[in-house]
mmCIF file of all heavy atoms, coordinates in Angstrom:
data_MODEL
# 
_entry.id   MODEL 
# 
loop_
_atom_site.group_PDB 
_atom_site.id 
_atom_site.type_symbol 
_atom_site.label_atom_id 
_atom_site.label_alt_id 
_atom_site.label_comp_id 
_atom_site.label_asym_id 
_atom_site.label_entity_id 
_atom_site.label_seq_id 
_atom_site.pdbx_PDB_ins_code 
_atom_site.Cartn_x 
_atom_site.Cartn_y 
_atom_site.Cartn_z 
_atom_site.occupancy 
_atom_site.B_iso_or_equiv 
_atom_site.pdbx_formal_charge 
_atom_site.auth_seq_id 
_atom_site.auth_comp_id 
_atom_site.auth_asym_id 
_atom_site.auth_atom_id 
_atom_site.pdbx_PDB_model_num 
ATOM 1   N N   . ALA A 1 1  ? 132.929 89.378  79.496  1.00 0.00 ? 1  ALA A N   1 
ATOM 2   C CA  . ALA A 1 1  ? 132.375 89.488  80.840  1.00 0.00 ? 1  ALA A CA  1 
ATOM 3   C C   . ALA A 1 1  ? 132.068 90.932  81.223  1.00 0.00 ? 1  ALA A C   1 
ATOM 4   O O   . ALA A 1 1  ? 131.302 91.174  82.156  1.00 0.00 ? 1  ALA A O   1 
ATOM 5   C CB  . ALA A 1 1  ? 133.329 88.874  81.850  1.00 0.00 ? 1  ALA A CB  1 
ATOM 6   N N   . GLY A 1 2  ? 132.619 91.904  80.523  1.00 0.00 ? 2  GLY A N   1 
ATOM 7   C CA  . GLY A 1 2  ? 132.345 93.303  80.833  1.00 0.00 ? 2  GLY A CA  1 
ATOM 8   C C   . GLY A 1 2  ? 130.921 93.721  80.524  1.00 0.00 ? 2  GLY A C   1 
ATOM 9   O O   . GLY A 1 2  ? 130.447 94.744  81.032  1.00 0.00 ? 2  GLY A O   1 
ATOM 10  N N   . TYR A 1 3  ? 130.233 92.974  79.691  1.00 0.00 ? 3  TYR A N   1 
ATOM 11  C CA  . TYR A 1 3  ? 128.850 93.297  79.340  1.00 0.00 ? 3  TYR A CA  1 
ATOM 12  C C   . TYR A 1 3  ? 127.849 92.822  80.392  1.00 0.00 ? 3  TYR A C   1 
ATOM 13  O O   . TYR A 1 3  ? 126.726 93.297  80.422  1.00 0.00 ? 3  TYR A O   1 
ATOM 14  C CB  . TYR A 1 3  ? 128.470 92.674  78.002  1.00 0.00 ? 3  TYR A CB  1 
ATOM 15  C CG  . TYR A 1 3  ? 129.229 93.232  76.824  1.00 0.00 ? 3  TYR A CG  1 
ATOM 16  C CD1 . TYR A 1 3  ? 129.716 92.396  75.836  1.00 0.00 ? 3  TYR A CD1 1 
ATOM 17  C CD2 . TYR A 1 3  ? 129.456 94.589  76.696  1.00 0.00 ? 3  TYR A CD2 1 
ATOM 18  C CE1 . TYR A 1 3  ? 130.402 92.896  74.743  1.00 0.00 ? 3  TYR A CE1 1 
ATOM 19  C CE2 . TYR A 1 3  ? 130.136 95.098  75.619  1.00 0.00 ? 3  TYR A CE2 1 
ATOM 20  C CZ  . TYR A 1 3  ? 130.616 94.253  74.645  1.00 0.00 ? 3  TYR A CZ  1 
ATOM 21  O OH  . TYR A 1 3  ? 131.296 94.762  73.586  1.00 0.00 ? 3  TYR A OH  1 
ATOM 22  N N   . VAL A 1 4  ? 128.232 91.889  81.233  1.00 0.00 ? 4  VAL A N   1 
ATOM 23  C CA  . VAL A 1 4  ? 127.308 91.300  82.202  1.00 0.00 ? 4  VAL A CA  1 
ATOM 24  C C   . VAL A 1 4  ? 126.749 92.345  83.173  1.00 0.00 ? 4  VAL A C   1 
ATOM 25  O O   . VAL A 1 4  ? 125.533 92.400  83.384  1.00 0.00 ? 4  VAL A O   1 
ATOM 26  C CB  . VAL A 1 4  ? 127.965 90.119  82.944  1.00 0.00 ? 4  VAL A CB  1 
ATOM 27  C CG1 . VAL A 1 4  ? 127.080 89.615  84.070  1.00 0.00 ? 4  VAL A CG1 1 
ATOM 28  C CG2 . VAL A 1 4  ? 128.289 89.004  81.967  1.00 0.00 ? 4  VAL A CG2 1 
ATOM 29  N N   . PRO A 1 5  ? 127.572 93.207  83.800  1.00 0.00 ? 5  PRO A N   1 
ATOM 30  C CA  . PRO A 1 5  ? 126.976 94.212  84.703  1.00 0.00 ? 5  PRO A CA  1 
ATOM 31  C C   . PRO A 1 5  ? 126.023 95.166  83.986  1.00 0.00 ? 5  PRO A C   1 
ATOM 32  O O   . PRO A 1 5  ? 125.004 95.566  84.557  1.00 0.00 ? 5  PRO A O   1 
ATOM 33  C CB  . PRO A 1 5  ? 128.177 94.978  85.251  1.00 0.00 ? 5  PRO A CB  1 
ATOM 34  C CG  . PRO A 1 5  ? 129.346 94.100  85.032  1.00 0.00 ? 5  PRO A CG  1 
ATOM 35  C CD  . PRO A 1 5  ? 129.030 93.254  83.847  1.00 0.00 ? 5  PRO A CD  1 
ATOM 36  N N   . VAL A 1 6  ? 126.316 95.515  82.754  1.00 0.00 ? 6  VAL A N   1 
ATOM 37  C CA  . VAL A 1 6  ? 125.438 96.410  82.000  1.00 0.00 ? 6  VAL A CA  1 
ATOM 38  C C   . VAL A 1 6  ? 124.104 95.726  81.724  1.00 0.00 ? 6  VAL A C   1 
ATOM 39  O O   . VAL A 1 6  ? 123.041 96.335  81.885  1.00 0.00 ? 6  VAL A O   1 
ATOM 40  C CB  . VAL A 1 6  ? 126.117 96.853  80.685  1.00 0.00 ? 6  VAL A CB  1 
ATOM 41  C CG1 . VAL A 1 6  ? 125.165 97.663  79.835  1.00 0.00 ? 6  VAL A CG1 1 
ATOM 42  C CG2 . VAL A 1 6  ? 127.381 97.629  80.978  1.00 0.00 ? 6  VAL A CG2 1 
ATOM 43  N N   . ILE A 1 7  ? 124.142 94.485  81.343  1.00 0.00 ? 7  ILE A N   1 
ATOM 44  C CA  . ILE A 1 7  ? 122.915 93.734  81.078  1.00 0.00 ? 7  ILE A CA  1 
ATOM 45  C C   . ILE A 1 7  ? 122.095 93.587  82.355  1.00 0.00 ? 7  ILE A C   1 
ATOM 46  O O   . ILE A 1 7  ? 120.872 93.777  82.351  1.00 0.00 ? 7  ILE A O   1 
ATOM 47  C CB  . ILE A 1 7  ? 123.242 92.363  80.455  1.00 0.00 ? 7  ILE A CB  1 
ATOM 48  C CG1 . ILE A 1 7  ? 123.814 92.557  79.055  1.00 0.00 ? 7  ILE A CG1 1 
ATOM 49  C CG2 . ILE A 1 7  ? 122.020 91.463  80.428  1.00 0.00 ? 7  ILE A CG2 1 
ATOM 50  C CD1 . ILE A 1 7  ? 124.366 91.313  78.437  1.00 0.00 ? 7  ILE A CD1 1 
ATOM 51  N N   . LEU A 1 8  ? 122.747 93.272  83.477  1.00 0.00 ? 8  LEU A N   1 
ATOM 52  C CA  . LEU A 1 8  ? 122.030 93.160  84.749  1.00 0.00 ? 8  LEU A CA  1 
ATOM 53  C C   . LEU A 1 8  ? 121.428 94.495  85.185  1.00 0.00 ? 8  LEU A C   1 
ATOM 54  O O   . LEU A 1 8  ? 120.315 94.536  85.715  1.00 0.00 ? 8  LEU A O   1 
ATOM 55  C CB  . LEU A 1 8  ? 122.965 92.623  85.830  1.00 0.00 ? 8  LEU A CB  1 
ATOM 56  C CG  . LEU A 1 8  ? 123.398 91.172  85.675  1.00 0.00 ? 8  LEU A CG  1 
ATOM 57  C CD1 . LEU A 1 8  ? 124.402 90.799  86.749  1.00 0.00 ? 8  LEU A CD1 1 
ATOM 58  C CD2 . LEU A 1 8  ? 122.207 90.239  85.701  1.00 0.00 ? 8  LEU A CD2 1 
ATOM 59  N N   . LEU A 1 9  ? 122.125 95.594  84.940  1.00 0.00 ? 9  LEU A N   1 
ATOM 60  C CA  . LEU A 1 9  ? 121.607 96.910  85.280  1.00 0.00 ? 9  LEU A CA  1 
ATOM 61  C C   . LEU A 1 9  ? 120.376 97.246  84.447  1.00 0.00 ? 9  LEU A C   1 
ATOM 62  O O   . LEU A 1 9  ? 119.379 97.762  84.970  1.00 0.00 ? 9  LEU A O   1 
ATOM 63  C CB  . LEU A 1 9  ? 122.688 97.971  85.077  1.00 0.00 ? 9  LEU A CB  1 
ATOM 64  C CG  . LEU A 1 9  ? 122.295 99.394  85.433  1.00 0.00 ? 9  LEU A CG  1 
ATOM 65  C CD1 . LEU A 1 9  ? 122.066 99.506  86.930  1.00 0.00 ? 9  LEU A CD1 1 
ATOM 66  C CD2 . LEU A 1 9  ? 123.369 100.357 84.994  1.00 0.00 ? 9  LEU A CD2 1 
ATOM 67  N N   . ILE A 1 10 ? 120.420 96.943  83.163  1.00 0.00 ? 10 ILE A N   1 
ATOM 68  C CA  . ILE A 1 10 ? 119.271 97.209  82.295  1.00 0.00 ? 10 ILE A CA  1 
ATOM 69  C C   . ILE A 1 10 ? 118.068 96.352  82.704  1.00 0.00 ? 10 ILE A C   1 
ATOM 70  O O   . ILE A 1 10 ? 116.936 96.847  82.781  1.00 0.00 ? 10 ILE A O   1 
ATOM 71  C CB  . ILE A 1 10 ? 119.642 96.979  80.819  1.00 0.00 ? 10 ILE A CB  1 
ATOM 72  C CG1 . ILE A 1 10 ? 120.618 98.070  80.369  1.00 0.00 ? 10 ILE A CG1 1 
ATOM 73  C CG2 . ILE A 1 10 ? 118.402 96.967  79.933  1.00 0.00 ? 10 ILE A CG2 1 
ATOM 74  C CD1 . ILE A 1 10 ? 121.221 97.832  79.013  1.00 0.00 ? 10 ILE A CD1 1 
ATOM 75  N N   . ILE A 1 11 ? 118.302 95.083  83.000  1.00 0.00 ? 11 ILE A N   1 
ATOM 76  C CA  . ILE A 1 11 ? 117.214 94.204  83.438  1.00 0.00 ? 11 ILE A CA  1 
ATOM 77  C C   . ILE A 1 11 ? 116.640 94.688  84.763  1.00 0.00 ? 11 ILE A C   1 
ATOM 78  O O   . ILE A 1 11 ? 115.420 94.763  84.943  1.00 0.00 ? 11 ILE A O   1 
ATOM 79  C CB  . ILE A 1 11 ? 117.701 92.746  83.526  1.00 0.00 ? 11 ILE A CB  1 
ATOM 80  C CG1 . ILE A 1 11 ? 117.972 92.204  82.128  1.00 0.00 ? 11 ILE A CG1 1 
ATOM 81  C CG2 . ILE A 1 11 ? 116.691 91.869  84.255  1.00 0.00 ? 11 ILE A CG2 1 
ATOM 82  C CD1 . ILE A 1 11 ? 118.651 90.854  82.104  1.00 0.00 ? 11 ILE A CD1 1 
ATOM 83  N N   . GLY A 1 12 ? 117.510 95.063  85.705  1.00 0.00 ? 12 GLY A N   1 
ATOM 84  C CA  . GLY A 1 12 ? 117.039 95.555  87.001  1.00 0.00 ? 12 GLY A CA  1 
ATOM 85  C C   . GLY A 1 12 ? 116.279 96.854  86.880  1.00 0.00 ? 12 GLY A C   1 
ATOM 86  O O   . GLY A 1 12 ? 115.252 97.059  87.532  1.00 0.00 ? 12 GLY A O   1 
ATOM 87  N N   . ALA A 1 13 ? 116.754 97.764  86.034  1.00 0.00 ? 13 ALA A N   1 
ATOM 88  C CA  . ALA A 1 13 ? 116.091 99.062  85.865  1.00 0.00 ? 13 ALA A CA  1 
ATOM 89  C C   . ALA A 1 13 ? 114.745 98.914  85.172  1.00 0.00 ? 13 ALA A C   1 
ATOM 90  O O   . ALA A 1 13 ? 113.913 99.813  85.259  1.00 0.00 ? 13 ALA A O   1 
ATOM 91  C CB  . ALA A 1 13 ? 116.995 100.003 85.067  1.00 0.00 ? 13 ALA A CB  1 
ATOM 92  N N   . THR A 1 14 ? 114.519 97.817  84.502  1.00 0.00 ? 14 THR A N   1 
ATOM 93  C CA  . THR A 1 14 ? 113.236 97.579  83.838  1.00 0.00 ? 14 THR A CA  1 
ATOM 94  C C   . THR A 1 14 ? 112.275 96.810  84.744  1.00 0.00 ? 14 THR A C   1 
ATOM 95  O O   . THR A 1 14 ? 111.115 97.194  84.896  1.00 0.00 ? 14 THR A O   1 
ATOM 96  C CB  . THR A 1 14 ? 113.445 96.788  82.536  1.00 0.00 ? 14 THR A CB  1 
ATOM 97  O OG1 . THR A 1 14 ? 114.360 97.512  81.716  1.00 0.00 ? 14 THR A OG1 1 
ATOM 98  C CG2 . THR A 1 14 ? 112.149 96.590  81.803  1.00 0.00 ? 14 THR A CG2 1 
ATOM 99  N N   . PHE A 1 15 ? 112.743 95.748  85.356  1.00 0.00 ? 15 PHE A N   1 
ATOM 100 C CA  . PHE A 1 15 ? 111.836 94.870  86.087  1.00 0.00 ? 15 PHE A CA  1 
ATOM 101 C C   . PHE A 1 15 ? 111.554 95.301  87.516  1.00 0.00 ? 15 PHE A C   1 
ATOM 102 O O   . PHE A 1 15 ? 110.472 95.029  88.031  1.00 0.00 ? 15 PHE A O   1 
ATOM 103 C CB  . PHE A 1 15 ? 112.340 93.425  86.057  1.00 0.00 ? 15 PHE A CB  1 
ATOM 104 C CG  . PHE A 1 15 ? 112.205 92.804  84.706  1.00 0.00 ? 15 PHE A CG  1 
ATOM 105 C CD1 . PHE A 1 15 ? 113.313 92.444  83.973  1.00 0.00 ? 15 PHE A CD1 1 
ATOM 106 C CD2 . PHE A 1 15 ? 110.960 92.601  84.149  1.00 0.00 ? 15 PHE A CD2 1 
ATOM 107 C CE1 . PHE A 1 15 ? 113.190 91.890  82.714  1.00 0.00 ? 15 PHE A CE1 1 
ATOM 108 C CE2 . PHE A 1 15 ? 110.817 92.039  82.884  1.00 0.00 ? 15 PHE A CE2 1 
ATOM 109 C CZ  . PHE A 1 15 ? 111.943 91.685  82.176  1.00 0.00 ? 15 PHE A CZ  1 
ATOM 110 N N   . ILE A 1 16 ? 112.477 95.978  88.185  1.00 0.00 ? 16 ILE A N   1 
ATOM 111 C CA  . ILE A 1 16 ? 112.218 96.409  89.560  1.00 0.00 ? 16 ILE A CA  1 
ATOM 112 C C   . ILE A 1 16 ? 111.074 97.420  89.626  1.00 0.00 ? 16 ILE A C   1 
ATOM 113 O O   . ILE A 1 16 ? 110.175 97.272  90.458  1.00 0.00 ? 16 ILE A O   1 
ATOM 114 C CB  . ILE A 1 16 ? 113.512 96.916  90.231  1.00 0.00 ? 16 ILE A CB  1 
ATOM 115 C CG1 . ILE A 1 16 ? 114.432 95.733  90.495  1.00 0.00 ? 16 ILE A CG1 1 
ATOM 116 C CG2 . ILE A 1 16 ? 113.208 97.676  91.516  1.00 0.00 ? 16 ILE A CG2 1 
ATOM 117 C CD1 . ILE A 1 16 ? 115.784 96.082  91.026  1.00 0.00 ? 16 ILE A CD1 1 
ATOM 118 N N   . PRO A 1 17 ? 111.033 98.468  88.768  1.00 0.00 ? 17 PRO A N   1 
ATOM 119 C CA  . PRO A 1 17 ? 109.871 99.367  88.828  1.00 0.00 ? 17 PRO A CA  1 
ATOM 120 C C   . PRO A 1 17 ? 108.549 98.677  88.506  1.00 0.00 ? 17 PRO A C   1 
ATOM 121 O O   . PRO A 1 17 ? 107.525 98.970  89.131  1.00 0.00 ? 17 PRO A O   1 
ATOM 122 C CB  . PRO A 1 17 ? 110.186 100.433 87.779  1.00 0.00 ? 17 PRO A CB  1 
ATOM 123 C CG  . PRO A 1 17 ? 111.637 100.392 87.590  1.00 0.00 ? 17 PRO A CG  1 
ATOM 124 C CD  . PRO A 1 17 ? 112.052 98.987  87.853  1.00 0.00 ? 17 PRO A CD  1 
ATOM 125 N N   . ILE A 1 18 ? 108.569 97.753  87.558  1.00 0.00 ? 18 ILE A N   1 
ATOM 126 C CA  . ILE A 1 18 ? 107.334 97.038  87.201  1.00 0.00 ? 18 ILE A CA  1 
ATOM 127 C C   . ILE A 1 18 ? 106.891 96.163  88.361  1.00 0.00 ? 18 ILE A C   1 
ATOM 128 O O   . ILE A 1 18 ? 105.722 96.161  88.750  1.00 0.00 ? 18 ILE A O   1 
ATOM 129 C CB  . ILE A 1 18 ? 107.540 96.228  85.905  1.00 0.00 ? 18 ILE A CB  1 
ATOM 130 C CG1 . ILE A 1 18 ? 107.737 97.174  84.724  1.00 0.00 ? 18 ILE A CG1 1 
ATOM 131 C CG2 . ILE A 1 18 ? 106.357 95.295  85.660  1.00 0.00 ? 18 ILE A CG2 1 
ATOM 132 C CD1 . ILE A 1 18 ? 108.129 96.496  83.438  1.00 0.00 ? 18 ILE A CD1 1 
ATOM 133 N N   . TRP A 1 19 ? 107.822 95.427  88.955  1.00 0.00 ? 19 TRP A N   1 
ATOM 134 C CA  . TRP A 1 19 ? 107.498 94.556  90.084  1.00 0.00 ? 19 TRP A CA  1 
ATOM 135 C C   . TRP A 1 19 ? 106.984 95.367  91.265  1.00 0.00 ? 19 TRP A C   1 
ATOM 136 O O   . TRP A 1 19 ? 105.981 95.014  91.885  1.00 0.00 ? 19 TRP A O   1 
ATOM 137 C CB  . TRP A 1 19 ? 108.735 93.747  90.485  1.00 0.00 ? 19 TRP A CB  1 
ATOM 138 C CG  . TRP A 1 19 ? 108.512 92.951  91.728  1.00 0.00 ? 19 TRP A CG  1 
ATOM 139 C CD1 . TRP A 1 19 ? 107.866 91.763  91.845  1.00 0.00 ? 19 TRP A CD1 1 
ATOM 140 C CD2 . TRP A 1 19 ? 108.906 93.315  93.052  1.00 0.00 ? 19 TRP A CD2 1 
ATOM 141 N NE1 . TRP A 1 19 ? 107.842 91.364  93.159  1.00 0.00 ? 19 TRP A NE1 1 
ATOM 142 C CE2 . TRP A 1 19 ? 108.480 92.299  93.908  1.00 0.00 ? 19 TRP A CE2 1 
ATOM 143 C CE3 . TRP A 1 19 ? 109.588 94.407  93.580  1.00 0.00 ? 19 TRP A CE3 1 
ATOM 144 C CZ2 . TRP A 1 19 ? 108.708 92.342  95.278  1.00 0.00 ? 19 TRP A CZ2 1 
ATOM 145 C CZ3 . TRP A 1 19 ? 109.813 94.442  94.942  1.00 0.00 ? 19 TRP A CZ3 1 
ATOM 146 C CH2 . TRP A 1 19 ? 109.384 93.417  95.778  1.00 0.00 ? 19 TRP A CH2 1 
ATOM 147 N N   . LEU A 1 20 ? 107.670 96.480  91.573  1.00 0.00 ? 20 LEU A N   1 
ATOM 148 C CA  . LEU A 1 20 ? 107.273 97.306  92.707  1.00 0.00 ? 20 LEU A CA  1 
ATOM 149 C C   . LEU A 1 20 ? 105.892 97.920  92.483  1.00 0.00 ? 20 LEU A C   1 
ATOM 150 O O   . LEU A 1 20 ? 105.055 97.941  93.399  1.00 0.00 ? 20 LEU A O   1 
ATOM 151 C CB  . LEU A 1 20 ? 108.315 98.390  92.943  1.00 0.00 ? 20 LEU A CB  1 
ATOM 152 C CG  . LEU A 1 20 ? 108.168 99.228  94.196  1.00 0.00 ? 20 LEU A CG  1 
ATOM 153 C CD1 . LEU A 1 20 ? 108.238 98.356  95.432  1.00 0.00 ? 20 LEU A CD1 1 
ATOM 154 C CD2 . LEU A 1 20 ? 109.250 100.277 94.236  1.00 0.00 ? 20 LEU A CD2 1 
ATOM 155 N N   . GLY A 1 21 ? 105.626 98.406  91.277  1.00 0.00 ? 21 GLY A N   1 
ATOM 156 C CA  . GLY A 1 21 ? 104.311 98.974  90.983  1.00 0.00 ? 21 GLY A CA  1 
ATOM 157 C C   . GLY A 1 21 ? 103.202 97.947  91.088  1.00 0.00 ? 21 GLY A C   1 
ATOM 158 O O   . GLY A 1 21 ? 102.134 98.228  91.656  1.00 0.00 ? 21 GLY A O   1 
ATOM 159 N N   . LEU A 1 22 ? 103.433 96.750  90.558  1.00 0.00 ? 22 LEU A N   1 
ATOM 160 C CA  . LEU A 1 22 ? 102.415 95.698  90.639  1.00 0.00 ? 22 LEU A CA  1 
ATOM 161 C C   . LEU A 1 22 ? 102.203 95.238  92.075  1.00 0.00 ? 22 LEU A C   1 
ATOM 162 O O   . LEU A 1 22 ? 101.077 94.963  92.494  1.00 0.00 ? 22 LEU A O   1 
ATOM 163 C CB  . LEU A 1 22 ? 102.814 94.520  89.751  1.00 0.00 ? 22 LEU A CB  1 
ATOM 164 C CG  . LEU A 1 22 ? 102.759 94.777  88.249  1.00 0.00 ? 22 LEU A CG  1 
ATOM 165 C CD1 . LEU A 1 22 ? 103.318 93.587  87.487  1.00 0.00 ? 22 LEU A CD1 1 
ATOM 166 C CD2 . LEU A 1 22 ? 101.356 95.099  87.789  1.00 0.00 ? 22 LEU A CD2 1 
ATOM 167 N N   . ARG A 1 23 ? 103.285 95.151  92.829  1.00 0.00 ? 23 ARG A N   1 
ATOM 168 C CA  . ARG A 1 23 ? 103.195 94.725  94.228  1.00 0.00 ? 23 ARG A CA  1 
ATOM 169 C C   . ARG A 1 23 ? 102.419 95.746  95.067  1.00 0.00 ? 23 ARG A C   1 
ATOM 170 O O   . ARG A 1 23 ? 101.547 95.392  95.853  1.00 0.00 ? 23 ARG A O   1 
ATOM 171 C CB  . ARG A 1 23 ? 104.607 94.533  94.774  1.00 0.00 ? 23 ARG A CB  1 
ATOM 172 C CG  . ARG A 1 23 ? 104.678 94.043  96.157  1.00 0.00 ? 23 ARG A CG  1 
ATOM 173 C CD  . ARG A 1 23 ? 104.516 92.562  96.175  1.00 0.00 ? 23 ARG A CD  1 
ATOM 174 N NE  . ARG A 1 23 ? 104.736 92.125  97.545  1.00 0.00 ? 23 ARG A NE  1 
ATOM 175 C CZ  . ARG A 1 23 ? 104.124 91.111  98.078  1.00 0.00 ? 23 ARG A CZ  1 
ATOM 176 N NH1 . ARG A 1 23 ? 103.322 90.379  97.346  1.00 0.00 ? 23 ARG A NH1 1 
ATOM 177 N NH2 . ARG A 1 23 ? 104.340 90.775  99.313  1.00 0.00 ? 23 ARG A NH2 1 
ATOM 178 N N   . LEU A 1 24 ? 102.761 97.029  94.891  1.00 0.00 ? 24 LEU A N   1 
ATOM 179 C CA  . LEU A 1 24 ? 102.062 98.067  95.646  1.00 0.00 ? 24 LEU A CA  1 
ATOM 180 C C   . LEU A 1 24 ? 100.611 98.224  95.199  1.00 0.00 ? 24 LEU A C   1 
ATOM 181 O O   . LEU A 1 24 ? 99.761  98.634  95.985  1.00 0.00 ? 24 LEU A O   1 
ATOM 182 C CB  . LEU A 1 24 ? 102.804 99.393  95.531  1.00 0.00 ? 24 LEU A CB  1 
ATOM 183 C CG  . LEU A 1 24 ? 104.122 99.461  96.299  1.00 0.00 ? 24 LEU A CG  1 
ATOM 184 C CD1 . LEU A 1 24 ? 104.846 100.748 95.987  1.00 0.00 ? 24 LEU A CD1 1 
ATOM 185 C CD2 . LEU A 1 24 ? 103.900 99.302  97.778  1.00 0.00 ? 24 LEU A CD2 1 
ATOM 186 N N   . ARG A 1 25 ? 100.332 97.888  93.944  1.00 0.00 ? 25 ARG A N   1 
ATOM 187 C CA  . ARG A 1 25 ? 98.945  97.926  93.459  1.00 0.00 ? 25 ARG A CA  1 
ATOM 188 C C   . ARG A 1 25 ? 98.089  96.938  94.240  1.00 0.00 ? 25 ARG A C   1 
ATOM 189 O O   . ARG A 1 25 ? 96.933  97.212  94.561  1.00 0.00 ? 25 ARG A O   1 
ATOM 190 C CB  . ARG A 1 25 ? 98.887  97.585  91.978  1.00 0.00 ? 25 ARG A CB  1 
ATOM 191 C CG  . ARG A 1 25 ? 97.482  97.633  91.407  1.00 0.00 ? 25 ARG A CG  1 
ATOM 192 C CD  . ARG A 1 25 ? 97.326  96.921  90.098  1.00 0.00 ? 25 ARG A CD  1 
ATOM 193 N NE  . ARG A 1 25 ? 98.104  97.495  89.026  1.00 0.00 ? 25 ARG A NE  1 
ATOM 194 C CZ  . ARG A 1 25 ? 98.130  96.978  87.794  1.00 0.00 ? 25 ARG A CZ  1 
ATOM 195 N NH1 . ARG A 1 25 ? 97.410  95.902  87.510  1.00 0.00 ? 25 ARG A NH1 1 
ATOM 196 N NH2 . ARG A 1 25 ? 98.864  97.529  86.860  1.00 0.00 ? 25 ARG A NH2 1 
ATOM 197 N N   . LYS A 1 26 ? 98.660  95.772  94.580  1.00 0.00 ? 26 LYS A N   1 
ATOM 198 C CA  . LYS A 1 26 ? 97.917  94.764  95.330  1.00 0.00 ? 26 LYS A CA  1 
ATOM 199 C C   . LYS A 1 26 ? 97.846  95.097  96.820  1.00 0.00 ? 26 LYS A C   1 
ATOM 200 O O   . LYS A 1 26 ? 96.817  94.890  97.459  1.00 0.00 ? 26 LYS A O   1 
ATOM 201 C CB  . LYS A 1 26 ? 98.576  93.394  95.157  1.00 0.00 ? 26 LYS A CB  1 
ATOM 202 C CG  . LYS A 1 26 ? 98.402  92.821  93.786  1.00 0.00 ? 26 LYS A CG  1 
ATOM 203 C CD  . LYS A 1 26 ? 99.077  91.478  93.679  1.00 0.00 ? 26 LYS A CD  1 
ATOM 204 C CE  . LYS A 1 26 ? 98.989  90.958  92.264  1.00 0.00 ? 26 LYS A CE  1 
ATOM 205 N NZ  . LYS A 1 26 ? 99.718  89.703  92.081  1.00 0.00 ? 26 LYS A NZ  1 
ATOM 206 N N   . ILE A 1 27 ? 98.950  95.586  97.384  1.00 0.00 ? 27 ILE A N   1 
ATOM 207 C CA  . ILE A 1 27 ? 99.010  95.827  98.827  1.00 0.00 ? 27 ILE A CA  1 
ATOM 208 C C   . ILE A 1 27 ? 98.264  97.098  99.221  1.00 0.00 ? 27 ILE A C   1 
ATOM 209 O O   . ILE A 1 27 ? 97.457  97.101  100.152 1.00 0.00 ? 27 ILE A O   1 
ATOM 210 C CB  . ILE A 1 27 ? 100.479 95.909  99.296  1.00 0.00 ? 27 ILE A CB  1 
ATOM 211 C CG1 . ILE A 1 27 ? 101.172 94.569  99.087  1.00 0.00 ? 27 ILE A CG1 1 
ATOM 212 C CG2 . ILE A 1 27 ? 100.562 96.307  100.754 1.00 0.00 ? 27 ILE A CG2 1 
ATOM 213 C CD1 . ILE A 1 27 ? 102.653 94.604  99.349  1.00 0.00 ? 27 ILE A CD1 1 
# 
C-alpha cells in the first residue's frame, strides 16, 4: 500500500498539466 501515493502522484503530475493545457487551449 505504500506505493499507492507515489503512483497517484506520478499520474497526477502527468495528467493534470496535459488536461489543464488542453482545457485552456479551448477556453
